[in-house]
Every structure is written in structure tokens, then in C-alpha cells.
Protein backbone atom coordinates (compact mmCIF):
# COMPACT_ATOMS: atom_id res chain seq x y z
CA MET A 1 -7.31 -10.98 56.58
CA ARG A 2 -10.07 -10.99 58.44
CA VAL A 3 -12.73 -14.05 57.86
CA LEU A 4 -16.12 -14.49 59.45
CA PHE A 5 -17.14 -18.16 59.97
CA GLN A 6 -20.49 -18.44 60.67
CA MET A 7 -22.31 -21.83 61.79
CA PRO A 8 -25.27 -23.11 63.53
CA PHE A 9 -23.26 -24.49 66.59
CA PRO A 10 -19.75 -26.00 67.54
CA GLY A 11 -20.76 -29.30 66.37
CA TYR A 12 -20.03 -27.66 62.69
CA LEU A 13 -16.26 -28.06 64.04
CA ARG A 14 -15.95 -31.73 63.16
CA MET A 15 -16.22 -30.46 59.59
CA TYR A 16 -14.39 -27.19 59.38
CA GLY A 17 -12.60 -26.99 62.63
CA SER A 18 -9.21 -28.20 60.56
CA THR A 19 -9.93 -25.19 58.07
CA ILE A 20 -10.46 -22.46 60.88
CA GLN A 21 -6.90 -23.86 62.56
CA LEU A 22 -4.83 -23.73 59.50
CA LEU A 23 -6.72 -20.31 58.66
CA ALA A 24 -5.28 -19.04 62.08
CA GLU A 25 -1.84 -20.55 61.64
CA ARG A 26 -1.37 -18.53 58.26
CA GLY A 27 -1.68 -15.66 59.97
CA HIS A 28 -5.37 -14.44 59.41
CA ARG A 29 -7.87 -13.62 62.01
CA VAL A 30 -10.91 -16.05 62.01
CA LEU A 31 -14.02 -14.49 63.76
CA LEU A 32 -15.99 -17.41 64.83
CA CYS A 33 -19.90 -17.01 65.51
CA TYR A 34 -22.54 -19.45 66.47
CA ASP A 35 -25.94 -19.51 66.67
CA ASN A 36 -25.99 -21.52 69.48
CA PRO A 37 -22.68 -21.60 71.19
CA ASP A 38 -23.79 -23.83 74.28
CA LYS A 39 -25.54 -26.73 71.54
CA ARG A 40 -23.35 -29.72 70.62
CA ARG A 41 -19.85 -28.49 72.08
CA ASP A 42 -17.22 -29.95 70.29
CA PRO A 43 -14.52 -31.34 72.23
CA THR A 44 -11.90 -29.65 70.41
CA ALA A 45 -13.80 -26.26 70.71
CA ASP A 46 -11.97 -24.77 73.75
CA ALA A 47 -8.68 -25.29 72.43
CA LEU A 48 -9.46 -23.86 69.10
CA GLU A 49 -11.25 -20.97 70.43
CA ALA A 50 -8.14 -20.42 72.45
CA HIS A 51 -6.09 -19.75 69.65
CA GLU A 52 -4.25 -16.55 69.52
CA GLY A 53 -5.69 -15.76 65.39
CA ILE A 54 -9.41 -17.20 66.61
CA GLU A 55 -11.79 -14.57 68.08
CA LEU A 56 -15.21 -15.89 69.23
CA VAL A 57 -17.80 -13.27 68.69
CA GLY A 58 -21.40 -12.97 69.66
CA PRO A 59 -24.65 -14.65 67.66
CA LEU A 60 -25.72 -12.43 64.64
CA PRO A 61 -29.05 -10.72 65.54
CA ARG A 62 -32.26 -12.11 64.00
CA PRO A 63 -33.89 -10.38 61.16
CA LYS A 64 -36.71 -8.15 62.06
CA ARG A 65 -38.21 -6.83 58.88
CA ARG A 66 -41.76 -6.52 58.14
CA HIS A 67 -43.50 -9.77 57.26
CA GLU A 68 -41.26 -11.57 59.09
CA ASP A 69 -43.47 -14.51 59.33
CA SER A 70 -44.50 -14.39 55.89
CA ILE A 71 -40.98 -14.69 54.96
CA ALA A 72 -40.23 -17.45 57.10
CA ARG A 73 -43.57 -19.58 55.27
CA LEU A 74 -42.14 -18.55 51.89
CA ARG A 75 -38.76 -20.05 52.89
CA ILE A 76 -40.50 -23.22 54.69
CA ALA A 77 -42.37 -23.57 51.24
CA ILE A 78 -39.34 -23.18 48.76
CA ASP A 79 -37.94 -26.43 51.03
CA TYR A 80 -41.35 -28.29 51.18
CA LEU A 81 -42.00 -27.74 47.29
CA ARG A 82 -38.51 -29.16 46.25
CA TYR A 83 -39.44 -32.59 47.31
CA LEU A 84 -42.78 -32.64 45.20
CA ASP A 85 -40.16 -32.89 42.53
CA GLY A 86 -40.50 -36.22 40.74
CA ARG A 87 -36.60 -36.73 40.94
CA PHE A 88 -37.46 -37.23 45.16
CA ALA A 89 -40.76 -39.09 44.47
CA GLY A 90 -38.76 -42.62 45.85
CA SER A 91 -37.87 -41.05 48.88
CA PRO A 92 -40.98 -39.78 51.14
CA TYR A 93 -39.27 -39.43 54.37
CA LEU A 94 -37.67 -36.41 53.03
CA ARG A 95 -40.89 -34.81 52.61
CA ARG A 96 -42.17 -36.32 56.01
CA ARG A 97 -39.23 -34.63 57.65
CA LEU A 98 -40.44 -31.17 56.82
CA GLU A 99 -43.74 -31.62 57.65
CA LYS A 100 -43.55 -30.48 61.29
CA TYR A 101 -42.27 -26.96 60.04
CA LEU A 102 -45.93 -26.70 57.73
CA ASP A 103 -47.44 -24.08 60.37
CA GLY A 104 -50.48 -22.22 59.00
CA PRO A 105 -53.38 -23.23 56.36
CA MET A 106 -51.51 -22.52 53.21
CA LEU A 107 -48.43 -24.55 54.27
CA ARG A 108 -50.68 -27.39 55.37
CA LEU A 109 -52.16 -27.57 52.31
CA LEU A 110 -48.97 -28.66 50.61
CA ALA A 111 -48.87 -31.82 52.88
CA ARG A 112 -51.94 -32.93 51.23
CA ALA A 113 -50.19 -32.38 47.75
CA PRO A 114 -49.32 -35.98 45.81
CA SER A 115 -45.52 -37.11 46.13
CA ARG A 116 -44.81 -36.06 42.70
CA LEU A 117 -46.01 -32.53 41.29
CA PRO A 118 -45.38 -31.91 37.42
CA PHE A 119 -45.00 -28.19 38.47
CA ALA A 120 -42.95 -28.46 41.50
CA ARG A 121 -39.68 -27.31 39.71
CA PRO A 122 -41.18 -24.40 38.12
CA ALA A 123 -43.16 -23.26 41.31
CA VAL A 124 -40.09 -23.62 43.26
CA ARG A 125 -37.95 -21.30 40.93
CA ALA A 126 -41.17 -18.58 40.69
CA LEU A 127 -40.82 -19.02 44.62
CA LEU A 128 -37.21 -18.21 44.68
CA ALA A 129 -37.86 -15.18 42.44
CA LEU A 130 -40.09 -14.03 44.96
CA GLU A 131 -37.42 -14.80 47.65
CA ARG A 132 -34.75 -12.68 45.66
CA ARG A 133 -37.07 -9.54 46.23
CA VAL A 134 -36.88 -9.97 50.24
CA PRO A 135 -34.59 -7.44 51.02
CA SER A 136 -31.37 -8.02 53.20
CA ASP A 137 -32.06 -7.13 57.08
CA PRO A 138 -30.19 -3.79 58.30
CA ARG A 139 -29.81 -5.18 61.71
CA VAL A 140 -27.69 -7.95 60.42
CA GLU A 141 -26.11 -5.90 57.91
CA ARG A 142 -24.82 -3.53 61.02
CA ALA A 143 -23.37 -6.40 62.91
CA ILE A 144 -21.69 -7.81 60.37
CA ALA A 145 -19.92 -4.31 59.14
CA GLU A 146 -18.82 -3.76 62.46
CA LEU A 147 -16.78 -6.91 62.66
CA ALA A 148 -15.23 -5.50 59.11
CA PRO A 149 -14.72 -8.97 57.60
CA ASP A 150 -12.63 -9.36 54.59
CA ALA A 151 -14.53 -12.60 53.27
CA VAL A 152 -17.41 -14.50 55.12
CA PHE A 153 -18.06 -18.17 55.10
CA VAL A 154 -21.49 -19.85 56.12
CA THR A 155 -22.08 -23.60 56.71
CA PRO A 156 -24.58 -25.35 56.06
CA LEU A 157 -26.75 -22.62 54.47
CA ILE A 158 -29.17 -25.25 53.42
CA GLY A 159 -30.50 -26.81 56.51
CA ARG A 160 -34.26 -27.88 57.07
CA SER A 161 -34.50 -25.69 60.29
CA ASP A 162 -35.75 -22.18 60.98
CA ARG A 163 -32.01 -21.55 62.20
CA ASN A 164 -30.51 -22.69 58.96
CA ARG A 165 -32.43 -20.66 57.02
CA ARG A 166 -31.45 -17.45 58.68
CA GLN A 167 -28.21 -18.30 57.10
CA THR A 168 -29.96 -16.77 53.53
CA ASP A 169 -30.08 -13.62 55.67
CA VAL A 170 -26.46 -13.70 56.30
CA VAL A 171 -25.64 -14.05 52.77
CA LYS A 172 -27.94 -11.51 51.61
CA ALA A 173 -26.31 -9.05 54.31
CA ALA A 174 -22.76 -9.86 53.23
CA ARG A 175 -23.78 -9.24 49.25
CA ARG A 176 -25.40 -6.17 50.12
CA LEU A 177 -22.22 -4.91 51.98
CA ARG A 178 -19.93 -5.86 49.12
CA ILE A 179 -17.92 -8.70 51.30
CA PRO A 180 -17.46 -11.74 49.21
CA VAL A 181 -19.68 -14.74 50.83
CA ALA A 182 -19.05 -18.36 50.50
CA ALA A 183 -20.72 -21.43 51.63
CA GLY A 184 -19.39 -25.01 52.25
CA VAL A 185 -21.14 -28.01 51.63
CA ALA A 186 -20.51 -30.09 54.93
CA THR A 187 -21.68 -33.55 54.13
CA TRP A 188 -22.33 -35.90 51.32
CA ASP A 189 -25.87 -35.68 51.47
CA HIS A 190 -26.51 -32.21 52.24
CA LEU A 191 -27.53 -31.09 48.80
CA THR A 192 -30.03 -33.46 48.19
CA THR A 193 -31.38 -34.20 52.10
CA LYS A 194 -31.59 -30.75 53.23
CA GLY A 195 -33.33 -27.44 52.29
CA LEU A 196 -32.63 -25.54 49.20
CA MET A 197 -30.28 -22.76 48.81
CA LYS A 198 -32.34 -19.48 48.47
CA GLU A 199 -29.75 -17.02 47.91
CA VAL A 200 -26.63 -17.93 45.94
CA PRO A 201 -23.04 -16.77 47.83
CA ASP A 202 -20.21 -15.81 45.66
CA ARG A 203 -18.88 -19.16 46.02
CA VAL A 204 -20.07 -22.84 46.70
CA PHE A 205 -17.45 -24.97 47.96
CA VAL A 206 -18.02 -28.56 47.41
CA TRP A 207 -16.36 -31.98 47.69
CA ASN A 208 -16.36 -33.12 44.10
CA GLU A 209 -17.71 -33.10 40.69
CA LEU A 210 -20.82 -34.95 41.42
CA GLN A 211 -21.57 -32.45 44.07
CA ARG A 212 -20.82 -29.73 41.67
CA ARG A 213 -23.40 -31.10 39.38
CA ASP A 214 -26.05 -31.18 42.41
CA ALA A 215 -25.50 -27.37 43.24
CA GLY A 216 -26.69 -26.67 39.68
CA ARG A 217 -29.54 -28.75 39.11
CA PHE A 218 -31.01 -28.93 42.52
CA HIS A 219 -29.62 -25.31 43.71
CA PHE A 220 -29.73 -23.59 40.25
CA VAL A 221 -26.18 -22.29 41.46
CA PRO A 222 -24.39 -21.16 38.22
CA SER A 223 -21.26 -23.77 37.71
CA GLU A 224 -18.41 -20.92 37.72
CA ARG A 225 -19.74 -20.49 41.56
CA VAL A 226 -18.86 -23.75 42.28
CA PHE A 227 -15.40 -24.96 43.45
CA VAL A 228 -14.24 -28.46 44.23
CA THR A 229 -11.96 -28.72 47.32
CA GLY A 230 -12.42 -32.44 48.55
CA ALA A 231 -14.18 -33.28 51.83
CA GLN A 232 -12.48 -31.61 54.87
CA LEU A 233 -14.68 -34.30 56.75
CA PHE A 234 -12.22 -36.89 56.39
CA ASP A 235 -8.90 -35.46 56.21
CA ARG A 236 -8.14 -36.76 59.70
CA TRP A 237 -9.06 -40.24 58.58
CA PHE A 238 -5.89 -40.32 56.15
CA GLU A 239 -3.67 -39.33 59.30
CA ARG A 240 -5.16 -41.75 62.14
CA ARG A 241 -3.58 -44.87 63.41
CA PRO A 242 -5.28 -47.52 65.65
CA SER A 243 -5.33 -46.66 69.39
CA THR A 244 -4.13 -50.13 70.07
CA SER A 245 -2.98 -53.67 68.99
CA ARG A 246 -5.63 -55.94 67.34
CA ASP A 247 -5.44 -58.64 70.10
CA GLU A 248 -6.39 -55.71 72.74
CA PHE A 249 -8.79 -54.51 70.93
CA LEU A 250 -10.58 -57.59 70.31
CA ARG A 251 -10.50 -58.05 73.99
CA ARG A 252 -11.80 -54.75 74.73
CA VAL A 253 -14.62 -55.31 72.87
CA GLY A 254 -15.22 -59.01 74.25
CA LEU A 255 -14.11 -61.20 71.59
CA ALA A 256 -11.27 -63.70 71.29
CA GLU A 257 -7.86 -62.87 70.06
CA GLY A 258 -7.08 -63.96 66.54
CA VAL A 259 -10.94 -64.05 65.20
CA ARG A 260 -11.60 -63.00 62.12
CA LEU A 261 -13.88 -60.13 62.38
CA VAL A 262 -16.34 -58.25 59.98
CA ALA A 263 -18.03 -55.10 60.90
CA TYR A 264 -21.74 -53.84 60.51
CA VAL A 265 -21.86 -50.23 60.41
CA GLY A 266 -25.32 -48.79 61.37
CA SER A 267 -27.05 -45.98 59.90
CA SER A 268 -28.97 -43.14 61.30
CA PRO A 269 -32.66 -43.52 62.61
CA ASN A 270 -33.70 -41.70 59.61
CA ILE A 271 -32.23 -44.22 57.10
CA ALA A 272 -32.38 -47.28 59.58
CA PRO A 273 -34.94 -47.35 62.50
CA PRO A 274 -34.01 -49.93 65.09
CA GLU A 275 -37.08 -51.43 64.64
CA LEU A 276 -36.30 -52.36 61.20
CA GLU A 277 -32.17 -52.52 61.29
CA ILE A 278 -32.23 -54.85 64.52
CA PRO A 279 -34.50 -57.65 62.73
CA PHE A 280 -32.45 -56.83 59.36
CA VAL A 281 -29.25 -57.97 61.05
CA ARG A 282 -30.32 -60.82 63.21
CA ARG A 283 -31.22 -62.31 59.84
CA TRP A 284 -28.23 -61.09 58.23
CA ILE A 285 -25.81 -62.85 61.08
CA ALA A 286 -28.32 -65.78 60.99
CA ALA A 287 -27.60 -66.20 56.96
CA LEU A 288 -23.50 -66.14 57.71
CA ARG A 289 -24.34 -68.88 60.47
CA SER A 290 -26.04 -71.11 58.17
CA SER A 291 -24.36 -70.61 54.69
CA GLY A 292 -22.15 -73.95 54.83
CA ASP A 293 -19.08 -72.06 54.56
CA ARG A 294 -16.61 -72.17 57.61
CA VAL A 295 -15.02 -69.10 57.04
CA LEU A 296 -18.49 -67.19 57.20
CA GLU A 297 -20.01 -69.38 59.99
CA GLU A 298 -17.07 -68.81 62.25
CA LEU A 299 -16.60 -64.91 61.51
CA ALA A 300 -17.03 -62.35 64.50
CA VAL A 301 -19.72 -59.73 63.92
CA LEU A 302 -19.28 -56.51 65.63
CA VAL A 303 -22.23 -54.50 65.47
CA ARG A 304 -21.06 -50.61 65.32
CA PRO A 305 -24.71 -48.89 65.76
CA HIS A 306 -25.61 -45.28 64.98
CA PRO A 307 -24.79 -43.05 68.10
CA TYR A 308 -28.68 -41.97 67.96
CA ASN A 309 -29.64 -45.87 67.97
CA VAL A 310 -26.76 -47.00 70.72
CA GLU A 311 -29.71 -47.32 73.18
CA ALA A 312 -31.92 -50.05 71.37
CA TRP A 313 -28.95 -52.12 70.25
CA ALA A 314 -27.58 -51.88 74.07
CA ALA A 315 -30.77 -53.12 75.18
CA LEU A 316 -30.24 -56.64 73.63
CA ASP A 317 -28.65 -59.45 74.81
CA PRO A 318 -25.56 -60.34 73.13
CA ALA A 319 -25.75 -63.92 73.65
CA SER A 320 -29.10 -63.93 71.51
CA LEU A 321 -27.59 -61.87 68.94
CA ASP A 322 -24.68 -64.06 68.03
CA ALA A 323 -22.15 -60.59 67.80
CA VAL A 324 -20.64 -58.13 70.22
CA VAL A 325 -22.12 -54.33 70.06
CA ALA A 326 -19.81 -51.49 70.43
CA PRO A 327 -20.65 -49.05 72.02
CA ARG A 328 -23.11 -50.06 74.38
CA GLU A 329 -23.20 -46.49 76.06
CA VAL A 330 -24.62 -43.42 74.15
CA PRO A 331 -21.41 -41.32 72.98
CA GLU A 332 -21.33 -37.52 73.26
CA LEU A 333 -21.90 -35.74 69.68
CA PRO A 334 -19.40 -34.78 68.68
CA MET A 335 -17.81 -37.81 69.96
CA SER A 336 -14.66 -37.56 72.34
CA GLU A 337 -11.45 -39.02 71.59
CA HIS A 338 -12.08 -42.11 73.47
CA ASP A 339 -15.29 -42.62 70.88
CA GLU A 340 -13.57 -41.54 68.11
CA ALA A 341 -11.12 -44.08 68.73
CA LEU A 342 -13.24 -47.29 69.02
CA TYR A 343 -15.43 -46.12 65.84
CA TYR A 344 -11.91 -45.87 63.97
CA ASP A 345 -10.62 -49.20 65.41
CA SER A 346 -13.97 -51.04 65.08
CA ILE A 347 -13.36 -49.99 61.07
CA HIS A 348 -9.29 -50.64 61.14
CA PHE A 349 -9.55 -54.13 62.39
CA ALA A 350 -12.31 -55.57 60.33
CA GLU A 351 -11.61 -57.75 57.09
CA ALA A 352 -14.64 -56.62 55.43
CA VAL A 353 -17.38 -53.39 56.33
CA VAL A 354 -21.19 -54.05 55.81
CA GLY A 355 -23.48 -51.02 56.13
CA ILE A 356 -27.05 -49.94 54.47
CA ASN A 357 -26.34 -46.18 53.75
CA THR A 358 -23.73 -44.24 56.00
CA THR A 359 -21.14 -41.81 56.10
CA ALA A 360 -18.97 -44.90 57.80
CA MET A 361 -19.06 -46.82 54.27
CA VAL A 362 -16.59 -43.72 53.02
CA GLU A 363 -14.47 -43.69 56.10
CA SER A 364 -13.93 -47.52 55.72
CA PHE A 365 -12.95 -46.86 52.07
CA ILE A 366 -10.22 -44.65 53.38
CA GLU A 367 -8.82 -47.62 55.55
CA ARG A 368 -8.69 -49.38 52.40
CA ARG A 369 -11.58 -51.79 53.46
CA PRO A 370 -13.97 -53.71 51.39
CA VAL A 371 -17.39 -52.38 51.83
CA LEU A 372 -20.65 -54.35 51.31
CA THR A 373 -24.68 -53.47 51.34
CA ILE A 374 -27.51 -55.41 50.82
CA ARG A 375 -30.68 -53.50 48.81
CA ALA A 376 -32.83 -54.57 51.32
CA PRO A 377 -36.91 -53.84 50.84
CA GLU A 378 -37.46 -52.43 54.04
CA PHE A 379 -34.71 -49.77 53.42
CA ARG A 380 -35.35 -49.10 49.74
CA GLU A 381 -36.81 -45.48 49.88
CA THR A 382 -33.79 -44.25 52.41
CA GLN A 383 -31.06 -46.51 50.58
CA GLU A 384 -31.31 -46.76 47.05
CA ALA A 385 -33.83 -44.49 46.28
CA THR A 386 -31.94 -41.40 47.69
CA LEU A 387 -29.84 -39.54 45.54
CA HIS A 388 -26.68 -39.30 47.74
CA PHE A 389 -26.59 -43.01 48.12
CA GLY A 390 -26.77 -43.01 43.93
CA ASN A 391 -23.75 -40.67 44.38
CA LEU A 392 -21.79 -43.13 46.04
CA ARG A 393 -22.54 -45.92 44.03
CA ALA A 394 -21.67 -44.19 41.07
CA ALA A 395 -18.48 -42.97 42.26
CA ALA A 396 -17.81 -45.93 43.82
CA GLY A 397 -18.27 -48.72 40.92
CA GLY A 398 -16.80 -52.01 41.41
CA ALA A 399 -15.31 -50.97 45.09
CA LEU A 400 -18.80 -51.37 46.65
CA GLN A 401 -20.14 -54.58 46.61
CA THR A 402 -24.42 -54.37 46.38
CA ALA A 403 -26.15 -57.46 46.48
CA ALA A 404 -29.85 -57.97 45.81
CA THR A 405 -30.19 -60.83 48.02
CA LEU A 406 -28.38 -62.39 51.18
CA ASP A 407 -27.24 -65.44 49.19
CA GLU A 408 -25.66 -62.91 46.77
CA HIS A 409 -23.96 -60.76 49.71
CA LEU A 410 -22.67 -63.83 51.24
CA ALA A 411 -20.58 -64.92 47.83
CA GLN A 412 -19.50 -61.35 47.64
CA LEU A 413 -18.16 -61.19 51.34
CA ARG A 414 -16.68 -64.43 50.93
CA ALA A 415 -14.64 -63.23 48.07
CA ALA A 416 -13.94 -59.81 49.62
CA ILE A 417 -12.46 -61.79 52.83
CA ALA A 418 -10.48 -63.94 50.33
CA GLU A 419 -8.97 -61.53 48.21
CA PRO A 420 -9.29 -57.95 49.74
CA GLU A 421 -6.32 -56.54 47.79
CA ARG A 422 -8.46 -57.07 44.33
CA TYR A 423 -10.38 -54.03 45.53
CA ALA A 424 -7.60 -51.86 45.84
CA SER A 425 -7.40 -49.91 42.69
CA ALA A 426 -11.29 -49.32 42.77
CA ILE A 427 -11.07 -48.01 46.29
CA ASP A 428 -8.34 -45.71 45.07
CA ALA A 429 -10.37 -44.58 42.10
CA PHE A 430 -13.46 -43.63 44.50
CA LEU A 431 -11.54 -41.73 46.93
CA LEU A 432 -10.06 -39.77 44.07
CA ALA A 433 -13.38 -39.08 42.37
CA PHE A 434 -15.12 -38.61 46.08
CA VAL A 435 -13.03 -37.66 48.64
CA ARG A 436 -9.84 -35.86 47.49
CA PRO A 437 -10.51 -34.97 43.79
CA CYS A 438 -7.52 -32.74 43.81
CA GLY A 439 -4.92 -35.61 44.91
CA LEU A 440 -4.96 -38.29 47.03
CA ASP A 441 -2.17 -36.79 48.94
CA ARG A 442 -3.88 -32.91 48.85
CA PRO A 443 -5.65 -32.64 52.09
CA ALA A 444 -8.88 -31.06 51.38
CA THR A 445 -8.46 -28.65 54.06
CA GLU A 446 -5.55 -26.90 52.53
CA MET A 447 -7.33 -26.88 49.20
CA LEU A 448 -10.26 -25.04 50.99
CA VAL A 449 -8.18 -22.64 52.75
CA ASP A 450 -6.10 -21.57 49.61
CA ALA A 451 -9.79 -20.92 48.09
CA ILE A 452 -10.87 -18.94 50.83
CA GLU A 453 -7.69 -16.95 51.02
CA ALA A 454 -8.08 -16.19 47.30
CA LEU A 455 -11.45 -15.24 47.61
CA ALA A 456 -10.84 -12.58 50.40
CA ALA A 457 -7.98 -11.42 48.99
CA GLY A 458 -9.55 -10.28 46.03
CA ALA A 459 -11.92 -8.37 48.11
CA THR A 460 -8.98 -6.42 49.84
CA ALA A 461 -7.42 -5.56 46.39
CA ALA A 462 -10.37 -4.09 45.60
CA ARG A 463 -10.50 -1.87 48.28
CA THR A 464 -7.13 -0.68 47.90
CA PRO A 465 -6.21 3.07 46.78
CA GLN A 466 -4.78 1.75 43.72
CA ALA A 467 -7.67 -0.05 42.73
CA VAL A 468 -10.30 2.60 43.51
CA ALA A 469 -8.35 5.16 41.53
CA ALA A 470 -8.19 2.48 38.48
């Protein structure tokens, strides 16, 4: 079968490269289409694109309909209005991130609206009804028809930028051509921190039941179109092994052999800007050193900054921080194998992991490490007030140690280091609920490939002479 994979740029291979490769290995033809082929080239992109079952095709054309500017503004208004719904009132940063797209007098009026509008949800539904009247673009239809796919897969579909809103037109065109089309939810926060799904595909593939629920209540996707496959993003974490020994790793990052290690995993600048994160981590380390508990006072601390915050952290004098920072040079994104290994080893060799609100928490759970967080007031709107962090907490239950104060956190950290095995069953329950709901031994990639094959096979069967005659 022929499957068209349409993505903004090669960086999305981090999430779906394994899916594309497995489809090709099963004998299917994968047509790989990027809007911007040169942006954020994944280190594995060249090898993947050279696979005999994968064909790199050119970008799909931009729509050129009447009133195209008005259509773009309609879509921006839909995305912005969703964050005036009271359920998002606690996270105004989500709304602020969209304000740069508010072009024109009507859209700029939205920026003056209060953070909570009682009619926001019905207004979104009314604008979505208007969006559904926007016709498919013939140029996009012709381009897809020429590729003759048996199924189309788009991701992320719900991004904030104009580039991602254009994927709405890919879905419209595929449905107009009667080609089954699916969307993949790429990460754990996309359904609640990005734009709205404006055209509903035939299938929406999500990680878990929490995302299935969110696809319905936030994107109005009928439940029968939502399928749970697990998180393809993390399959490689279940298979990774450390790149070196523990003592060699400690030497590499500048620590003495044999020390006990706790890792702080940094969040993105949207969640924890460095001007807030660095002072917070300083207070946290100071609390460790003055705790009166010898184990906590002697813990070695490794700060693993988010790639977008590395420069700010690298500018610090490590001696003034009483911790090591790794990496100290900004990694390429997507990360190289060397940078991935440093990231993995930082978590693997830690006895516990502390963070605010980051995907590294999920990866730490996969390594069966105790994970702890602190509800610091400076991060309230980007941590506990965000819906995706609420999903993480709900799924993690007792596996995620959450503290309201530093004193409470220190007690939790001491217990986690003393008895890490006490969290094992809770961590496995989290992984089963959040990452691999189809079974801890079932890679999510296989589940998604099976589902794509079924989607494409149904369309192929419908086009056979026997089906037409029937």
C-alpha cells in the first residue's frame, strides 16, 4: 500500500521515524512529504529517506482560494478563542503565545478580551461550523491525487503556526478525494497547548485514554474516530542502554566516582524561563545543603538544562551553583546520538529525578527512577495550572512525588533515595496508563503501524472490482 506522511519538517521523525521505517520494512511504499525539508534535519533523516521503501516527495502546494487571508484569520480566531474558555484561565501563557498571530483590527480586538469568556466555547463551535464551509483547495487535491496514496497521515495538525493550520487543507483534500486520512498526536501536551483541530480526520491516533477524552472535550472529535496506540516517541527509551559505566559517566561530567547523584531536568523556556528557573534551582540546592540530613547534604547534583535554556545555564560558574551542568554547549535539535546518550545517561545514573513540568519526567519513569516535583508559585501557571500536567499527575498517582514546600520535598527525596523500590508498582501502573496502554511489552510503533495498515486496507478493499460491483 502507499501511505503519504505529511509533516512540517524532518524534526517530526523523532516521533514518527520508527513508524515510517516499520511501514517500509513491511513492504509498503511511504511517501514522505515535508513543508520545509531543510528545517531541523533529524540526524536519522538521510538514512531513513534512503530506504528503498521510502520516497521523498516535494511539499504540497499552498492553498490559493478566494478570501484566503480571511480563511487564515478565521483559523487564528478559532485557535485564540479556545484559550478564553474558563478551563484555560489558569494558564494565560497559552493565550500570550498566540498574540503575535493576531493580525488585523478584528483579531486585535480579541487580545483585549478578558481571560475568561462565558461564551468562548459556543463561539468556537460557531466558528468551526463556518470553517467546515471552507472548501477544499483544488491545487492541494490535485497534488495528493497525483501521489495516489491509499491513506494519508498528518501530524501535528493542531500546531499554532500558519504552517500547521495548512494541514487542515490536507485533511479536507484527502476527504474530498475519499482517501482515508489520519492525524497523529505527537506529544503529551499537544491537545491542550496548541491549536484546535478544525477538520476532523477519519482517525485520530492518541497515546492513552486521557488523550482520547481530551480529543473529544477540547477538539470535538467523535469517540469512534479516536484510537489509542501508545506513545511512539518513547519506544526507543524502552530499548536504550547506557553508553558507558557509571564511574566513567561521573568523570565525564566532572563528578567524583562513587558519589550519589540526583538529576534536575530543566523545562522549556515557555514553562520555566531561565530568569526564574536558575534562582529556583539555587534555592533547591541550598535547601539540600542545609537540610541537616547527611545523605541530602552530600548528594551530587547534575542540572540537565532544556536545550533552549543551555546558554543561560552554561554562563554560570559551576562553583557558585554547587552542581554540575551538562550539557554546557547547545545541542542540535533534533539531538545527535552523542547528545542523546548524554541525556539518557544523566537520567539512568541518577538515583532520583527532580523537575517542574517536562517530558523528561516521563522518560525518567521509563528508567524506573523516582520522580519528584515542587509546586513553586513562580511556575504555577505553567505547571499545576496546565491541563497536560494535570493529566500526568492523574496518571502517575503515587509514582510522582509532589510537594507544596521545599521541606516537604526534602522528606520525599530522602525517602525516594532510601527506598526506590517502593515506587516500582506505581511507576509500572503509570507507564501502562500513559505510555503503553496496550501492554508494556507492546511497542507503540507496532500498534500504530497495524492501525494505519487497517485504515489503508479498508480503502483499498472498497476500490476493488468486487466491492464496486457489490
